[in-house]
N, C-alpha and C. Protein backbone atom coordinates (compact mmCIF):
# COMPACT_ATOMS: atom_id res chain seq x y z
N UNK A 1 -13.29 36.20 39.02
CA UNK A 1 -12.22 36.63 40.21
C UNK A 1 -12.49 38.28 40.28
N UNK A 2 -12.80 38.71 41.57
CA UNK A 2 -13.04 40.09 41.81
C UNK A 2 -12.01 40.92 41.14
N UNK A 3 -12.46 42.20 40.88
CA UNK A 3 -11.71 43.15 40.28
C UNK A 3 -10.36 43.47 41.21
N UNK A 4 -10.60 43.85 42.27
CA UNK A 4 -9.39 44.19 43.24
C UNK A 4 -8.37 42.86 43.29
N UNK A 5 -8.68 41.74 43.05
CA UNK A 5 -7.84 40.64 43.14
C UNK A 5 -7.11 40.52 41.83
N UNK A 6 -7.87 40.86 40.73
CA UNK A 6 -7.16 40.82 39.59
C UNK A 6 -6.30 41.89 39.44
N UNK A 7 -6.27 42.96 39.89
CA UNK A 7 -5.45 44.24 39.71
C UNK A 7 -4.24 43.77 40.64
N UNK A 8 -4.40 43.18 42.01
CA UNK A 8 -3.43 42.89 42.83
C UNK A 8 -2.54 42.01 42.04
N UNK A 9 -2.99 41.19 41.49
CA UNK A 9 -2.03 40.15 40.75
C UNK A 9 -1.67 40.30 39.33
N UNK A 10 -2.03 41.38 38.97
CA UNK A 10 -1.74 41.97 37.60
C UNK A 10 -2.35 41.11 36.42
N UNK A 11 -3.54 40.69 36.72
CA UNK A 11 -4.30 39.93 35.63
C UNK A 11 -5.10 40.70 34.75
N UNK A 12 -4.94 40.27 33.42
CA UNK A 12 -5.93 40.95 32.38
C UNK A 12 -7.27 40.01 32.25
N UNK A 13 -7.02 38.93 32.34
CA UNK A 13 -8.24 37.97 32.16
C UNK A 13 -9.19 37.84 33.38
N UNK A 14 -10.23 37.60 33.21
CA UNK A 14 -11.29 37.33 34.36
C UNK A 14 -11.38 35.92 34.73
N UNK A 15 -10.98 35.08 34.09
CA UNK A 15 -11.12 33.58 34.32
C UNK A 15 -9.83 33.29 35.06
N UNK A 16 -10.05 33.17 36.46
CA UNK A 16 -9.15 32.56 37.48
C UNK A 16 -9.78 32.49 38.75
N UNK A 17 -9.05 31.68 39.49
CA UNK A 17 -9.63 31.39 41.07
C UNK A 17 -8.33 31.63 41.87
N UNK A 18 -8.93 32.59 42.76
CA UNK A 18 -7.81 32.93 44.03
C UNK A 18 -7.95 31.80 44.83
N UNK A 19 -6.76 31.13 45.39
CA UNK A 19 -6.73 30.20 46.21
C UNK A 19 -6.64 30.65 47.56
N UNK A 20 -7.75 30.51 48.51
CA UNK A 20 -7.74 30.74 49.80
C UNK A 20 -7.31 29.91 50.85
N UNK A 21 -7.45 28.69 50.54
CA UNK A 21 -7.02 27.79 51.49
C UNK A 21 -6.62 26.31 50.63
N UNK A 22 -5.48 25.65 51.25
CA UNK A 22 -5.09 24.30 50.72
C UNK A 22 -4.96 23.35 51.83
N UNK A 23 -5.53 22.42 51.95
CA UNK A 23 -5.66 21.32 53.19
C UNK A 23 -4.43 20.42 52.98
N UNK A 24 -3.79 20.21 54.10
CA UNK A 24 -2.43 19.61 54.29
C UNK A 24 -2.60 18.25 53.62
N UNK A 25 -1.66 17.58 53.14
CA UNK A 25 -1.82 16.32 52.52
C UNK A 25 -2.69 15.97 51.28
N UNK A 26 -3.29 17.08 50.66
CA UNK A 26 -3.96 16.97 49.44
C UNK A 26 -3.04 16.84 48.38
N UNK A 27 -3.66 16.56 47.05
CA UNK A 27 -2.77 16.43 45.86
C UNK A 27 -2.42 17.98 45.57
N UNK A 28 -3.18 19.02 45.86
CA UNK A 28 -2.97 20.30 45.57
C UNK A 28 -1.64 20.84 46.61
N UNK A 29 -1.62 20.24 47.73
CA UNK A 29 -0.54 20.78 48.52
C UNK A 29 0.62 19.96 48.24
N UNK A 30 0.72 18.81 48.03
CA UNK A 30 1.76 18.18 47.44
C UNK A 30 2.26 18.61 45.93
N UNK A 31 1.44 19.18 45.26
CA UNK A 31 2.06 19.87 44.20
C UNK A 31 2.59 21.36 44.33
N UNK A 32 2.35 21.72 45.60
CA UNK A 32 2.85 23.11 46.05
C UNK A 32 2.16 24.25 45.79
N UNK A 33 0.78 24.18 45.49
CA UNK A 33 -0.25 25.07 45.42
C UNK A 33 -0.37 25.53 46.84
N UNK A 34 -0.51 26.90 46.91
CA UNK A 34 -0.43 27.57 48.19
C UNK A 34 -1.37 28.53 48.24
N UNK A 35 -2.15 28.91 49.75
CA UNK A 35 -2.89 29.90 49.59
C UNK A 35 -2.43 31.34 49.08
N UNK A 36 -3.12 31.94 48.55
CA UNK A 36 -2.73 33.41 47.75
C UNK A 36 -2.42 32.96 46.33
N UNK A 37 -2.42 31.81 45.77
CA UNK A 37 -1.98 31.58 44.42
C UNK A 37 -3.16 31.87 43.58
N UNK A 38 -3.04 32.17 42.53
CA UNK A 38 -4.18 32.47 41.45
C UNK A 38 -4.13 31.32 40.46
N UNK A 39 -5.30 30.34 40.45
CA UNK A 39 -5.14 29.31 39.52
C UNK A 39 -5.77 29.90 38.23
N UNK A 40 -4.89 29.91 37.08
CA UNK A 40 -5.44 30.17 35.85
C UNK A 40 -5.88 28.99 35.03
N UNK A 41 -5.26 27.93 34.97
CA UNK A 41 -5.54 26.73 33.99
C UNK A 41 -5.24 25.50 34.86
N UNK A 42 -6.06 24.32 34.60
CA UNK A 42 -5.70 23.10 35.01
C UNK A 42 -6.01 22.26 33.84
N UNK A 43 -5.01 21.23 33.62
CA UNK A 43 -4.89 20.44 32.36
C UNK A 43 -4.89 21.27 31.17
N UNK A 44 -4.58 22.43 31.08
CA UNK A 44 -4.64 23.31 29.88
C UNK A 44 -6.05 23.84 29.60
N UNK A 45 -6.99 23.74 30.58
CA UNK A 45 -8.26 24.25 30.53
C UNK A 45 -8.57 25.47 31.38
N UNK A 46 -9.23 26.52 30.77
CA UNK A 46 -9.15 27.82 31.70
C UNK A 46 -10.03 27.53 32.97
N UNK A 47 -9.65 28.10 34.07
CA UNK A 47 -10.53 27.92 35.29
C UNK A 47 -11.16 29.29 35.76
N UNK A 48 -12.60 29.22 35.75
CA UNK A 48 -13.39 30.19 36.10
C UNK A 48 -13.99 30.13 37.54
N UNK A 49 -14.07 29.13 37.84
CA UNK A 49 -14.66 28.75 39.17
C UNK A 49 -14.57 27.36 39.64
N UNK A 50 -15.09 27.17 40.85
CA UNK A 50 -14.76 25.63 41.53
C UNK A 50 -15.40 24.56 40.62
N UNK A 51 -16.52 25.11 39.85
CA UNK A 51 -17.15 23.84 39.00
C UNK A 51 -16.04 23.55 37.70
N UNK A 52 -15.30 24.54 37.44
CA UNK A 52 -14.35 23.85 36.25
C UNK A 52 -13.47 22.94 36.97
N UNK A 53 -12.93 23.40 38.04
CA UNK A 53 -11.89 22.49 38.81
C UNK A 53 -12.67 21.10 39.15
N UNK A 54 -13.63 21.18 39.65
CA UNK A 54 -14.31 19.71 39.81
C UNK A 54 -14.57 19.18 38.48
N UNK A 55 -14.99 19.87 37.55
CA UNK A 55 -15.21 19.09 36.30
C UNK A 55 -13.78 18.44 35.60
N UNK A 56 -12.78 19.21 35.82
CA UNK A 56 -11.42 19.00 35.35
C UNK A 56 -11.02 17.63 36.07
N UNK A 57 -11.09 17.82 37.53
CA UNK A 57 -10.83 16.53 38.29
C UNK A 57 -11.61 15.36 38.19
N UNK A 58 -12.33 15.21 37.08
CA UNK A 58 -13.10 13.86 37.15
C UNK A 58 -12.23 12.69 37.35
N UNK A 59 -13.16 11.54 37.43
CA UNK A 59 -12.63 10.21 37.63
C UNK A 59 -11.51 9.80 36.64
N UNK A 60 -11.91 10.31 35.13
CA UNK A 60 -10.91 9.77 34.24
C UNK A 60 -9.57 10.41 34.28
N UNK A 61 -9.24 11.49 35.38
CA UNK A 61 -7.91 12.05 35.56
C UNK A 61 -7.37 11.50 36.81
N UNK A 62 -7.91 10.75 37.53
CA UNK A 62 -7.46 10.39 38.80
C UNK A 62 -5.91 9.63 38.64
N UNK A 63 -4.93 9.91 39.28
CA UNK A 63 -3.72 9.36 39.13
C UNK A 63 -2.94 9.76 37.82
N UNK A 64 -3.45 10.62 37.04
CA UNK A 64 -2.77 11.14 35.79
C UNK A 64 -2.34 12.54 36.10
N UNK A 65 -1.08 12.81 35.89
CA UNK A 65 -0.49 13.95 36.23
C UNK A 65 -0.84 15.14 35.30
N UNK A 66 -1.23 16.36 35.89
CA UNK A 66 -1.85 17.23 35.14
C UNK A 66 -0.96 18.59 35.54
N UNK A 67 -1.02 19.47 34.50
CA UNK A 67 -0.30 20.68 34.63
C UNK A 67 -1.26 21.69 35.13
N UNK A 68 -0.88 22.48 36.23
CA UNK A 68 -1.64 23.48 36.62
C UNK A 68 -0.89 25.01 36.74
N UNK A 69 -1.54 25.88 35.89
CA UNK A 69 -0.79 27.03 35.76
C UNK A 69 -1.18 28.04 36.85
N UNK A 70 -0.56 28.71 37.59
CA UNK A 70 -0.85 29.55 38.44
C UNK A 70 0.09 31.06 38.39
N UNK A 71 -0.58 32.13 39.25
CA UNK A 71 0.24 33.27 39.25
C UNK A 71 0.65 33.29 40.92
N UNK A 72 1.75 33.28 41.16
CA UNK A 72 2.20 33.42 42.56
C UNK A 72 3.07 34.71 42.62
N UNK A 73 2.47 35.62 43.67
CA UNK A 73 3.20 36.67 43.89
C UNK A 73 3.62 37.63 42.64
N UNK A 74 2.69 37.43 41.75
CA UNK A 74 2.58 38.25 40.49
C UNK A 74 3.44 37.50 39.45
N UNK A 75 3.99 36.39 39.68
CA UNK A 75 5.00 35.68 38.62
C UNK A 75 4.30 34.46 38.49
N UNK A 76 4.19 34.11 36.96
CA UNK A 76 3.59 32.92 36.25
C UNK A 76 4.57 31.61 36.85
N UNK A 77 3.70 30.66 36.96
CA UNK A 77 4.47 29.52 37.50
C UNK A 77 3.63 28.13 37.06
N UNK A 78 4.27 27.01 37.01
CA UNK A 78 3.40 25.88 36.53
C UNK A 78 3.79 24.91 37.59
N UNK A 79 2.89 24.18 38.09
CA UNK A 79 3.17 22.94 38.83
C UNK A 79 2.57 21.76 38.31
N UNK A 80 2.74 20.51 38.69
CA UNK A 80 2.04 19.27 38.36
C UNK A 80 1.44 18.71 39.61
N UNK A 81 0.15 18.31 39.22
CA UNK A 81 -0.68 17.88 40.36
C UNK A 81 -1.27 16.51 39.85
N UNK A 82 -1.40 15.49 40.81
CA UNK A 82 -1.73 13.94 40.32
C UNK A 82 -3.17 13.91 41.27
N UNK A 83 -4.16 13.97 40.67
CA UNK A 83 -5.65 13.99 41.20
C UNK A 83 -5.63 12.65 41.97
N UNK A 84 -6.28 12.72 43.04
CA UNK A 84 -6.67 11.48 43.73
C UNK A 84 -8.32 11.10 43.75
N UNK A 85 -8.72 10.16 44.55
CA UNK A 85 -10.20 9.86 44.90
C UNK A 85 -11.02 11.11 45.26
N UNK A 86 -10.27 11.95 46.13
CA UNK A 86 -10.77 12.84 46.98
C UNK A 86 -11.25 14.12 45.77
N UNK A 87 -10.69 14.07 44.48
CA UNK A 87 -11.00 15.15 43.59
C UNK A 87 -10.02 16.14 43.59
N UNK A 88 -8.90 15.83 43.72
CA UNK A 88 -7.88 17.04 43.84
C UNK A 88 -6.92 16.92 44.93
């Protein structure tokens, strides 16, 4: 995550993904993940980039509820997401 975004969200760790867009009707949107959120972990695994997200949302997790930890407006939050065949 770029240094300026880490400072804006008050993050010490470098491993996080800034959510730029969430497509309507996707599992992420249904879980309440919103543009501007910072995704810290998914299924208790740290997220450092899109590859981590893709790897975590593999076929073995389709239909299984996963915890997603985000920072929203500087405040930690947890949401539950159920991946589908689209990969999240």
